[in-house]
Amino acid sequence: MTQPPALPRAMSRRTALTTLAASALVPVASRLAAAAGDASLHHDIARRARALTAGQKINLQLLLPEGSSANVTPVIAQFLAMTGVHVTFTESSLEEINTQLTLDALSNTHTYDLALPATFGVPDLVASKAILPLSKFVAKHEPEGFRDDILYQVGDSFDGETYGFQTDGDAYVMFYNKAMLKNPTARARYADQYGMELETPLTWQELDRQMAFFNRPEQGQWGGLLFRSLGHVAWEWWVRFHAKGVWPFSPDMEPQITSSEGISALEDMIRSSESLCPEAVHVGVFQNWERYSRGDVYCNIGWGGSQKYFNSAGSGMRGNMVYGPTPGGMLEGELLITPYFNWGWNYVVASNSAFPELAYLFALFASTPEMSTRAVRQKDGFFDPFRPEHYDDMGIKAAYSEEFLAVHRASLEDSIPDLYLKNQGAYFRILSEWISRALSGEVSPQEAMERVAQTWQVITSGAGRPLQIKRWEQLRAKYPARIRRVLRDLS
């Protein structure tokens, strides 16, 4: 996650240049032999970058999502100190990153050498030929097994090619108000009312019941702050639907969302919305964080970036949270929990880069255990852990809390992927639109799902159905084995 709001401090959009003297040129071997966890790995990569520049003064142009400058600044400074290569960064919004890269590709313009788009946007950037495949650089420079320790790397590749480096571990997790959850009076009342203990919910049914229980507007207390704004509403439905044990598409890309499972997932969202505080329908990510920090809402959903905000000085929720995975569903007496990786930032190389190999080496440098730990450690930036080393770092533990990190790592390691297909953005835009219409009462849940399914068929045909079927087959194979064994097709 990225884009910090006012707490702990605001970051304005800006472009920055760090400067330092160039380092000496040294000869370079072929492919790096260092182990992925070797503390000297970033030194070896820096030597390769110095050799590649051959003493030239080079300035790489990096396009960043707003708020991530705190994460990349120490990496840029270290790369400059070790290579003599300047990196100028420009911060932009999520939407503008993909648009800018695509426009540059269409106009054959060199504006940026590399960028950090959202991981879910990589397939569309590949389709528009806005970013370069990195496989030849991987073969030349990456140590054997370098990516093996990355806890989530599904979004790094597409159509059999490597395109990026995951640099932000954005698995969805749940936040619960500890003061409410542990309140003795509330616990006794809940047990009397429902005949069960008040505990961290494991299913969506339990969560919805608890949100209704804690929702007391007349007392200034609300059950939840789950996203209902247009840009974020589809994510919750995606998790609820998977937890019912059905694939969103059949093997031949026929939508399976008009089933009773797809419709009931939306019906459940509509009912649960009655227990949300009023702001849920319009707040974005950072407004959500500010609102939840007031301490009068029972539960929220978010990422590691959410936790950095909630755990920061001045937050009303600091020290007042219990964490859990996204809830699951019961299938034939067995619990199915489907954690979801739905964002994250990914280093990619622009197709019109003037220095593509050097840009790749910077991304590789930034992704090493040492450099990525420095990046994630920054309290004012919102990159989240994605390597095992990150969870052992004392600075990262202080920024997040050990209790949160345990839940985050378990979710990250077992996450279902986003819909990494060509036209991912189109599939999710139409899903979000009709979910929102159903939530507002404009259409029924059944009509909403039918409209989405119809449009998905058009999108699939436009993308080229045979190739899209192949991509979906490959993506299904990347689901965690535990979840893959349970999800079923309906025909």
Protein backbone atom coordinates (compact mmCIF):
# COMPACT_ATOMS: atom_id res chain seq x y z
CA MET A 1 0.00 0.00 0.00
CA THR A 2 0.95 3.63 -0.39
CA GLN A 3 -0.31 7.21 -0.27
CA PRO A 4 -0.10 8.24 3.41
CA PRO A 5 -2.68 10.68 4.72
CA ALA A 6 -2.11 13.41 7.28
CA LEU A 7 -1.20 11.02 10.09
CA PRO A 8 1.66 10.56 10.86
CA ARG A 9 2.50 13.30 8.36
CA ALA A 10 1.37 14.46 4.97
CA MET A 11 3.51 13.89 1.87
CA SER A 12 2.97 16.21 -1.07
CA ARG A 13 3.49 15.16 -4.65
CA ARG A 14 7.01 16.00 -5.70
CA THR A 15 9.98 15.11 -7.82
CA ALA A 16 13.33 14.63 -6.07
CA LEU A 17 16.92 14.12 -7.21
CA THR A 18 19.61 12.69 -4.95
CA THR A 19 23.26 13.30 -5.87
CA LEU A 20 26.59 11.78 -4.89
CA ALA A 21 29.95 11.01 -6.50
CA ALA A 22 30.36 8.06 -8.87
CA SER A 23 32.08 4.87 -7.77
CA ALA A 24 34.91 3.05 -9.50
CA LEU A 25 34.36 0.70 -12.45
CA VAL A 26 34.94 -2.99 -11.77
CA PRO A 27 34.75 -6.05 -14.02
CA VAL A 28 31.62 -8.23 -13.75
CA ALA A 29 31.18 -12.00 -13.96
CA SER A 30 28.29 -13.59 -15.85
CA ARG A 31 25.24 -14.47 -13.77
CA LEU A 32 25.36 -13.63 -10.07
CA ALA A 33 26.33 -16.62 -7.99
CA ALA A 34 25.41 -15.16 -4.63
CA ALA A 35 22.59 -16.81 -2.71
CA ALA A 36 19.36 -14.83 -2.56
CA GLY A 37 19.76 -14.20 1.15
CA ASP A 38 23.44 -13.19 0.94
CA ALA A 39 23.98 -9.81 2.60
CA SER A 40 26.50 -8.91 -0.12
CA LEU A 41 24.03 -9.38 -2.97
CA HIS A 42 23.27 -5.70 -3.39
CA HIS A 43 27.02 -5.01 -3.61
CA ASP A 44 27.31 -7.48 -6.51
CA ILE A 45 24.38 -5.88 -8.30
CA ALA A 46 25.90 -2.42 -7.80
CA ARG A 47 29.17 -3.62 -9.37
CA ARG A 48 27.23 -4.78 -12.42
CA ALA A 49 25.49 -1.43 -12.69
CA ARG A 50 28.81 0.43 -12.49
CA ALA A 51 30.27 -1.75 -15.20
CA LEU A 52 27.24 -1.16 -17.40
CA THR A 53 27.48 2.63 -17.17
CA ALA A 54 31.19 2.61 -18.06
CA GLY A 55 31.68 5.93 -16.32
CA GLN A 56 28.75 7.70 -18.01
CA LYS A 57 26.61 10.07 -15.99
CA ILE A 58 23.16 8.53 -16.15
CA ASN A 59 19.90 9.66 -14.63
CA LEU A 60 17.11 7.07 -14.42
CA GLN A 61 13.54 8.35 -14.33
CA LEU A 62 11.27 6.51 -11.86
CA LEU A 63 7.48 6.92 -11.66
CA LEU A 64 6.10 6.21 -8.19
CA PRO A 65 2.66 5.97 -6.56
CA GLU A 66 2.02 8.89 -4.25
CA GLY A 67 3.29 8.25 -0.75
CA SER A 68 5.98 5.70 -1.56
CA SER A 69 8.86 8.17 -1.65
CA ALA A 70 9.73 7.42 1.97
CA ASN A 71 10.23 3.78 0.99
CA VAL A 72 12.37 4.34 -2.09
CA THR A 73 14.46 7.32 -0.98
CA PRO A 74 16.94 5.29 1.14
CA VAL A 75 17.26 2.76 -1.69
CA ILE A 76 17.91 5.48 -4.27
CA ALA A 77 20.52 7.07 -2.02
CA GLN A 78 22.34 3.77 -1.52
CA PHE A 79 22.21 2.93 -5.23
CA LEU A 80 23.72 6.32 -6.04
CA ALA A 81 26.44 5.94 -3.45
CA MET A 82 27.39 2.51 -4.78
CA THR A 83 26.98 3.07 -8.53
CA GLY A 84 27.09 6.79 -9.27
CA VAL A 85 23.72 6.44 -11.02
CA HIS A 86 21.18 9.14 -10.26
CA VAL A 87 17.52 8.25 -9.94
CA THR A 88 14.93 11.01 -10.23
CA PHE A 89 11.49 10.06 -9.00
CA THR A 90 8.08 11.56 -9.68
CA GLU A 91 5.04 10.68 -7.58
CA SER A 92 1.69 10.20 -9.27
CA SER A 93 -1.71 8.68 -8.60
CA LEU A 94 -2.43 5.00 -9.22
CA GLU A 95 -4.54 5.73 -12.30
CA GLU A 96 -2.01 8.16 -13.77
CA ILE A 97 0.86 5.65 -13.55
CA ASN A 98 -0.72 3.17 -15.95
CA THR A 99 -2.08 5.93 -18.17
CA GLN A 100 1.31 7.66 -18.43
CA LEU A 101 3.17 4.45 -19.23
CA THR A 102 0.61 3.51 -21.87
CA LEU A 103 0.63 6.95 -23.49
CA ASP A 104 4.43 6.93 -23.63
CA ALA A 105 4.34 3.54 -25.34
CA LEU A 106 1.73 4.65 -27.88
CA SER A 107 3.60 7.87 -28.69
CA ASN A 108 7.03 6.25 -28.59
CA THR A 109 8.07 8.79 -25.93
CA HIS A 110 10.77 8.28 -23.32
CA THR A 111 9.59 9.86 -20.09
CA TYR A 112 10.32 7.13 -17.56
CA ASP A 113 12.73 4.22 -17.31
CA LEU A 114 10.89 2.29 -14.66
CA ALA A 115 7.78 2.56 -12.54
CA LEU A 116 5.83 1.08 -9.64
CA PRO A 117 2.31 0.33 -10.87
CA ALA A 118 -0.19 -1.73 -8.89
CA THR A 119 0.42 -5.44 -9.39
CA PHE A 120 -3.11 -5.98 -10.69
CA GLY A 121 -2.35 -3.50 -13.49
CA VAL A 122 0.61 -5.42 -14.91
CA PRO A 123 -1.41 -7.56 -17.39
CA ASP A 124 -2.97 -4.48 -18.99
CA LEU A 125 0.44 -2.80 -19.22
CA VAL A 126 1.75 -5.90 -20.97
CA ALA A 127 -1.20 -5.86 -23.36
CA SER A 128 -0.51 -2.22 -24.27
CA LYS A 129 3.21 -2.97 -24.67
CA ALA A 130 4.00 -0.31 -22.10
CA ILE A 131 6.51 -2.43 -20.16
CA LEU A 132 9.34 -4.74 -21.14
CA PRO A 133 9.67 -8.46 -20.49
CA LEU A 134 12.63 -9.00 -18.17
CA SER A 135 13.40 -12.65 -18.82
CA LYS A 136 16.65 -12.00 -20.67
CA PHE A 137 17.89 -9.80 -17.83
CA VAL A 138 16.76 -12.39 -15.28
CA ALA A 139 18.83 -15.02 -17.08
CA LYS A 140 21.83 -12.73 -17.21
CA HIS A 141 21.81 -11.18 -13.75
CA GLU A 142 19.55 -12.82 -11.17
CA PRO A 143 20.98 -15.37 -8.72
CA GLU A 144 19.50 -18.82 -8.94
CA GLY A 145 16.58 -19.03 -6.54
CA PHE A 146 16.46 -15.27 -5.91
CA ARG A 147 12.66 -15.18 -6.06
CA ASP A 148 12.12 -18.41 -4.15
CA ASP A 149 11.92 -16.65 -0.78
CA ILE A 150 9.51 -13.96 -1.94
CA LEU A 151 6.28 -14.85 -0.15
CA TYR A 152 4.03 -13.66 -2.98
CA GLN A 153 5.28 -13.45 -6.57
CA VAL A 154 2.29 -14.53 -8.66
CA GLY A 155 1.94 -11.05 -10.17
CA ASP A 156 5.55 -10.83 -11.36
CA SER A 157 4.91 -12.85 -14.52
CA PHE A 158 2.37 -12.90 -17.31
CA ASP A 159 2.05 -14.98 -20.48
CA GLY A 160 5.15 -16.94 -19.54
CA GLU A 161 7.41 -13.89 -19.20
CA THR A 162 8.77 -12.13 -16.12
CA TYR A 163 7.75 -8.48 -16.03
CA GLY A 164 8.37 -7.21 -12.51
CA PHE A 165 9.46 -7.41 -8.91
CA GLN A 166 6.84 -7.55 -6.17
CA THR A 167 7.87 -4.92 -3.66
CA ASP A 168 4.82 -4.59 -1.43
CA GLY A 169 2.95 -7.40 0.35
CA ASP A 170 -0.68 -6.30 0.16
CA ALA A 171 -2.75 -9.18 1.50
CA TYR A 172 -6.18 -8.24 2.86
CA VAL A 173 -6.51 -8.64 6.67
CA MET A 174 -9.12 -7.80 9.30
CA PHE A 175 -8.92 -5.34 12.20
CA TYR A 176 -11.11 -5.61 15.31
CA ASN A 177 -11.62 -3.12 18.11
CA LYS A 178 -10.09 -4.88 21.11
CA ALA A 179 -11.96 -2.78 23.69
CA MET A 180 -15.26 -3.89 22.19
CA LEU A 181 -14.27 -7.50 21.51
CA LYS A 182 -12.89 -8.06 25.02
CA ASN A 183 -15.54 -6.09 26.93
CA PRO A 184 -16.95 -8.46 29.62
CA THR A 185 -20.45 -7.03 29.46
CA ALA A 186 -20.55 -7.30 25.67
CA ARG A 187 -19.21 -10.84 25.79
CA ALA A 188 -21.84 -11.95 28.30
CA ARG A 189 -24.62 -10.30 26.32
CA TYR A 190 -23.40 -11.87 23.06
CA ALA A 191 -23.27 -15.34 24.65
CA ASP A 192 -26.81 -14.92 26.00
CA GLN A 193 -28.12 -13.71 22.66
CA TYR A 194 -26.41 -16.19 20.33
CA GLY A 195 -25.41 -19.10 22.55
CA MET A 196 -21.71 -18.84 21.66
CA GLU A 197 -18.59 -17.02 22.80
CA LEU A 198 -17.63 -13.69 21.28
CA GLU A 199 -14.36 -14.47 19.50
CA THR A 200 -12.49 -13.29 16.42
CA PRO A 201 -14.80 -14.40 13.60
CA LEU A 202 -13.69 -17.18 11.26
CA THR A 203 -16.60 -16.98 8.78
CA TRP A 204 -18.39 -14.16 7.01
CA GLN A 205 -21.59 -15.25 8.73
CA GLU A 206 -19.95 -14.73 12.13
CA LEU A 207 -18.51 -11.38 11.09
CA ASP A 208 -21.85 -10.10 9.82
CA ARG A 209 -23.53 -11.20 13.06
CA GLN A 210 -20.88 -9.45 15.16
CA MET A 211 -21.11 -6.23 13.15
CA ALA A 212 -24.88 -6.22 13.68
CA PHE A 213 -24.36 -6.87 17.41
CA PHE A 214 -21.96 -3.94 17.84
CA ASN A 215 -23.85 -1.56 15.59
CA ARG A 216 -25.51 0.93 17.95
CA PRO A 217 -25.86 4.26 16.12
CA GLU A 218 -27.91 5.72 18.94
CA GLN A 219 -24.83 5.29 21.16
CA GLY A 220 -22.39 6.62 18.56
CA GLN A 221 -20.99 3.14 17.89
CA TRP A 222 -20.82 1.33 14.56
CA GLY A 223 -20.39 -2.28 13.51
CA GLY A 224 -17.95 -1.88 10.65
CA LEU A 225 -16.19 0.27 8.09
CA LEU A 226 -15.86 -2.17 5.19
CA PHE A 227 -15.42 -0.43 1.85
CA ARG A 228 -18.58 0.45 -0.07
CA SER A 229 -17.03 3.08 -2.37
CA LEU A 230 -17.02 2.29 -6.08
CA GLY A 231 -13.28 1.81 -6.47
CA HIS A 232 -12.94 -0.72 -3.65
CA VAL A 233 -16.25 -2.52 -3.23
CA ALA A 234 -15.53 -5.48 -5.53
CA TRP A 235 -12.69 -6.81 -3.38
CA GLU A 236 -14.92 -7.86 -0.49
CA TRP A 237 -17.35 -9.59 -2.83
CA TRP A 238 -14.41 -11.44 -4.45
CA VAL A 239 -13.36 -12.88 -1.08
CA ARG A 240 -16.93 -13.68 0.01
CA PHE A 241 -17.59 -15.47 -3.27
CA HIS A 242 -14.39 -17.56 -3.17
CA ALA A 243 -15.19 -18.53 0.43
CA LYS A 244 -18.33 -20.21 -0.91
CA GLY A 245 -16.10 -22.66 -2.75
CA VAL A 246 -16.67 -21.78 -6.43
CA TRP A 247 -14.30 -20.63 -9.17
CA PRO A 248 -15.38 -17.28 -10.70
CA PHE A 249 -14.90 -18.77 -14.17
CA SER A 250 -15.17 -22.31 -15.47
CA PRO A 251 -12.11 -23.74 -17.26
CA ASP A 252 -13.44 -22.38 -20.57
CA MET A 253 -13.97 -18.88 -19.11
CA GLU A 254 -17.73 -19.15 -18.63
CA PRO A 255 -18.67 -16.88 -15.69
CA GLN A 256 -20.01 -18.81 -12.68
CA ILE A 257 -21.12 -15.79 -10.69
CA THR A 258 -24.83 -15.99 -11.55
CA SER A 259 -24.97 -19.09 -9.37
CA SER A 260 -26.64 -19.12 -5.97
CA GLU A 261 -23.16 -18.61 -4.49
CA GLY A 262 -22.51 -15.44 -6.48
CA ILE A 263 -25.93 -13.98 -5.77
CA SER A 264 -25.88 -14.86 -2.06
CA ALA A 265 -22.42 -13.30 -1.67
CA LEU A 266 -23.92 -10.02 -2.87
CA GLU A 267 -27.04 -10.45 -0.76
CA ASP A 268 -24.82 -10.93 2.28
CA MET A 269 -22.98 -7.71 1.46
CA ILE A 270 -26.25 -5.82 1.18
CA ARG A 271 -27.42 -7.05 4.60
CA SER A 272 -24.06 -6.36 6.23
CA SER A 273 -24.11 -2.79 4.90
CA GLU A 274 -26.86 -2.02 7.41
CA SER A 275 -24.22 -2.41 10.16
CA LEU A 276 -21.64 -0.08 8.63
CA CYS A 277 -21.06 3.51 9.64
CA PRO A 278 -22.48 5.99 7.10
CA GLU A 279 -19.09 7.08 5.78
CA ALA A 280 -18.40 3.60 4.36
CA VAL A 281 -20.27 4.41 1.14
CA HIS A 282 -17.92 7.19 0.06
CA VAL A 283 -14.58 7.08 1.87
CA GLY A 284 -11.42 6.07 0.04
CA VAL A 285 -8.48 4.27 1.57
CA PHE A 286 -7.02 7.08 3.61
CA GLN A 287 -10.31 8.54 4.73
CA ASN A 288 -11.15 5.01 5.88
CA TRP A 289 -8.00 4.93 8.00
CA GLU A 290 -8.71 8.31 9.58
CA ARG A 291 -12.30 7.37 10.33
CA TYR A 292 -11.47 4.01 11.91
CA SER A 293 -8.78 5.62 14.07
CA ARG A 294 -11.46 7.43 16.06
CA GLY A 295 -12.14 4.18 17.93
CA ASP A 296 -15.96 3.98 17.66
CA VAL A 297 -16.15 1.26 14.98
CA TYR A 298 -15.87 -2.47 15.68
CA CYS A 299 -14.16 -3.84 12.57
CA ASN A 300 -12.33 -2.79 9.44
CA ILE A 301 -10.56 -4.40 6.51
CA GLY A 302 -7.23 -3.36 5.01
CA TRP A 303 -3.55 -4.02 4.55
CA GLY A 304 -0.20 -3.55 6.23
CA GLY A 305 -0.34 0.11 5.27
CA SER A 306 -3.54 0.37 7.28
CA GLN A 307 -1.74 -1.10 10.29
CA LYS A 308 1.15 1.36 9.98
CA TYR A 309 -1.38 4.17 10.16
CA PHE A 310 -3.42 2.65 13.00
CA ASN A 311 -0.23 1.82 14.92
CA SER A 312 1.30 5.27 14.55
CA ALA A 313 1.55 7.89 17.28
CA GLY A 314 -1.68 9.85 17.57
CA SER A 315 -3.94 7.11 16.24
CA GLY A 316 -6.91 6.35 18.48
CA MET A 317 -6.58 2.65 17.63
CA ARG A 318 -2.93 2.22 18.57
CA GLY A 319 -2.71 -0.78 20.92
CA ASN A 320 -6.46 -1.37 20.65
CA MET A 321 -6.71 -3.97 17.89
CA VAL A 322 -7.06 -7.70 17.38
CA TYR A 323 -6.14 -9.05 13.94
CA GLY A 324 -7.44 -11.89 11.82
CA PRO A 325 -7.51 -13.18 8.26
CA THR A 326 -10.40 -12.33 6.00
CA PRO A 327 -13.29 -14.59 7.09
CA GLY A 328 -14.12 -17.78 5.24
CA GLY A 329 -17.05 -20.11 4.73
CA MET A 330 -18.12 -23.56 5.88
CA LEU A 331 -18.22 -26.21 3.16
CA GLU A 332 -19.48 -29.64 4.22
CA GLY A 333 -18.37 -28.99 7.77
CA GLU A 334 -14.91 -27.73 6.79
CA LEU A 335 -13.71 -24.13 7.08
CA LEU A 336 -12.44 -22.55 3.85
CA ILE A 337 -10.51 -19.31 4.36
CA THR A 338 -9.35 -17.54 1.20
CA PRO A 339 -6.91 -14.69 1.95
CA TYR A 340 -6.64 -12.30 -0.98
CA PHE A 341 -3.73 -10.34 -2.49
CA ASN A 342 -5.52 -7.43 -4.09
CA TRP A 343 -3.01 -4.61 -4.48
CA GLY A 344 0.75 -4.30 -3.99
CA TRP A 345 3.30 -2.36 -6.03
CA ASN A 346 5.54 -3.94 -8.64
CA TYR A 347 8.79 -2.60 -10.14
CA VAL A 348 8.56 -2.71 -13.95
CA VAL A 349 10.75 -1.36 -16.78
CA ALA A 350 9.13 1.02 -19.29
CA SER A 351 9.18 -0.17 -22.89
CA ASN A 352 10.76 3.08 -24.08
CA SER A 353 13.42 3.24 -21.39
CA ALA A 354 16.71 4.65 -22.58
CA PHE A 355 18.53 2.37 -20.14
CA PRO A 356 16.41 -0.80 -19.78
CA GLU A 357 19.14 -3.06 -18.39
CA LEU A 358 20.24 -0.48 -15.85
CA ALA A 359 16.63 0.15 -14.87
CA TYR A 360 16.24 -3.59 -14.33
CA LEU A 361 19.38 -3.65 -12.15
CA PHE A 362 17.98 -0.87 -9.98
CA ALA A 363 14.77 -2.86 -9.51
CA LEU A 364 16.82 -5.96 -8.67
CA PHE A 365 18.93 -3.92 -6.23
CA ALA A 366 15.80 -2.53 -4.56
CA SER A 367 14.36 -6.05 -4.22
CA THR A 368 17.34 -7.61 -2.42
CA PRO A 369 16.85 -8.64 1.20
CA GLU A 370 18.93 -5.76 2.55
CA MET A 371 17.47 -2.97 0.42
CA SER A 372 13.86 -4.14 0.56
CA THR A 373 14.11 -4.39 4.36
CA ARG A 374 15.26 -0.77 4.52
CA ALA A 375 12.32 0.23 2.32
CA VAL A 376 9.63 -1.64 4.25
CA ARG A 377 11.05 -0.40 7.57
CA GLN A 378 10.15 3.23 6.80
CA LYS A 379 7.26 4.28 9.04
CA ASP A 380 6.21 7.12 6.74
CA GLY A 381 5.92 4.86 3.69
CA PHE A 382 3.44 2.09 3.09
CA PHE A 383 5.36 -0.76 1.47
CA ASP A 384 4.50 -3.92 3.41
CA PRO A 385 6.61 -7.03 4.17
CA PHE A 386 6.98 -9.60 1.41
CA ARG A 387 10.20 -11.49 2.29
CA PRO A 388 10.96 -13.67 5.36
CA GLU A 389 13.74 -11.29 6.46
CA HIS A 390 11.26 -8.47 6.85
CA TYR A 391 9.37 -10.19 9.66
CA ASP A 392 12.55 -10.52 11.76
CA ASP A 393 13.63 -6.88 11.45
CA MET A 394 13.25 -4.91 14.69
CA GLY A 395 12.31 -1.69 12.88
CA ILE A 396 9.58 -3.44 10.95
CA LYS A 397 8.29 -5.09 14.12
CA ALA A 398 8.09 -1.66 15.76
CA ALA A 399 6.22 -0.19 12.79
CA TYR A 400 3.62 -2.96 12.59
CA SER A 401 3.61 -4.96 15.88
CA GLU A 402 4.46 -8.64 16.10
CA GLU A 403 0.81 -9.61 16.55
CA PHE A 404 -0.14 -8.04 13.24
CA LEU A 405 2.89 -9.43 11.40
CA ALA A 406 1.98 -13.00 12.36
CA VAL A 407 -1.47 -12.65 10.78
CA HIS A 408 -0.12 -10.74 7.79
CA ARG A 409 2.52 -13.35 6.95
CA ALA A 410 0.08 -16.24 7.22
CA SER A 411 -2.35 -14.42 4.90
CA LEU A 412 0.35 -13.43 2.42
CA GLU A 413 1.71 -16.95 2.12
CA ASP A 414 -1.74 -18.40 1.43
CA SER A 415 -3.35 -15.66 -0.68
CA ILE A 416 -5.48 -16.20 -3.72
CA PRO A 417 -4.28 -13.95 -6.56
CA ASP A 418 -6.10 -11.10 -8.16
CA LEU A 419 -7.57 -11.67 -11.64
CA TYR A 420 -4.27 -11.39 -13.54
CA LEU A 421 -5.77 -11.63 -17.03
CA LYS A 422 -5.72 -9.29 -19.99
CA ASN A 423 -8.31 -6.54 -19.38
CA GLN A 424 -8.27 -7.12 -15.62
CA GLY A 425 -9.30 -3.51 -15.16
CA ALA A 426 -12.36 -3.95 -17.38
CA TYR A 427 -13.50 -7.11 -15.58
CA PHE A 428 -13.30 -5.42 -12.19
CA ARG A 429 -14.76 -2.08 -13.27
CA ILE A 430 -17.95 -3.72 -14.45
CA LEU A 431 -18.07 -5.91 -11.34
CA SER A 432 -17.71 -2.85 -9.11
CA GLU A 433 -20.35 -0.92 -11.05
CA TRP A 434 -23.09 -3.53 -10.74
CA ILE A 435 -22.25 -4.41 -7.14
CA SER A 436 -22.65 -0.72 -6.32
CA ARG A 437 -25.99 -0.58 -8.15
CA ALA A 438 -27.24 -3.56 -6.17
CA LEU A 439 -26.04 -2.07 -2.90
CA SER A 440 -27.95 1.13 -3.65
CA GLY A 441 -31.12 -0.84 -4.43
CA GLU A 442 -31.15 0.17 -8.09
CA VAL A 443 -31.10 -3.47 -9.25
CA SER A 444 -31.52 -6.87 -7.61
CA PRO A 445 -28.46 -8.98 -6.75
CA GLN A 446 -29.49 -11.49 -9.42
CA GLU A 447 -29.76 -8.84 -12.13
CA ALA A 448 -26.42 -7.36 -11.07
CA MET A 449 -24.63 -10.68 -11.39
CA GLU A 450 -26.31 -11.43 -14.71
CA ARG A 451 -25.23 -8.06 -16.12
CA VAL A 452 -21.66 -8.63 -14.93
CA ALA A 453 -21.57 -12.12 -16.45
CA GLN A 454 -22.88 -10.85 -19.79
CA THR A 455 -20.26 -8.12 -19.96
CA TRP A 456 -17.51 -10.48 -18.86
CA GLN A 457 -18.34 -12.64 -21.87
CA VAL A 458 -17.84 -9.63 -24.15
CA ILE A 459 -14.56 -8.71 -22.44
CA THR A 460 -13.28 -12.26 -22.77
CA SER A 461 -14.15 -12.40 -26.46
CA GLY A 462 -12.47 -9.06 -27.04
CA ALA A 463 -9.30 -10.29 -25.34
CA GLY A 464 -9.25 -13.41 -27.52
CA ARG A 465 -11.07 -16.28 -25.87
CA PRO A 466 -8.59 -19.11 -26.64
CA LEU A 467 -5.63 -17.21 -25.20
CA GLN A 468 -7.69 -15.94 -22.26
CA ILE A 469 -8.72 -19.54 -21.48
CA LYS A 470 -5.04 -20.50 -21.44
CA ARG A 471 -4.21 -17.60 -19.12
CA TRP A 472 -7.03 -18.56 -16.76
CA GLU A 473 -5.79 -22.15 -16.70
CA GLN A 474 -2.32 -20.89 -15.72
CA LEU A 475 -3.74 -18.55 -13.08
CA ARG A 476 -5.91 -21.26 -11.51
CA ALA A 477 -2.77 -23.36 -11.15
CA LYS A 478 -1.20 -20.54 -9.10
CA TYR A 479 -3.93 -20.55 -6.45
CA PRO A 480 -2.71 -22.07 -3.16
CA ALA A 481 -3.01 -25.86 -3.34
CA ARG A 482 -5.20 -25.98 -0.23
CA ILE A 483 -7.74 -23.64 -1.82
CA ARG A 484 -7.40 -25.05 -5.33
CA ARG A 485 -8.43 -28.51 -4.12
CA VAL A 486 -11.69 -27.15 -2.64
CA LEU A 487 -12.90 -24.69 -5.29
CA ARG A 488 -15.31 -26.29 -7.73
CA ASP A 489 -16.81 -25.70 -11.14
CA LEU A 490 -20.57 -25.75 -11.57
CA SER A 491 -20.75 -27.45 -14.96
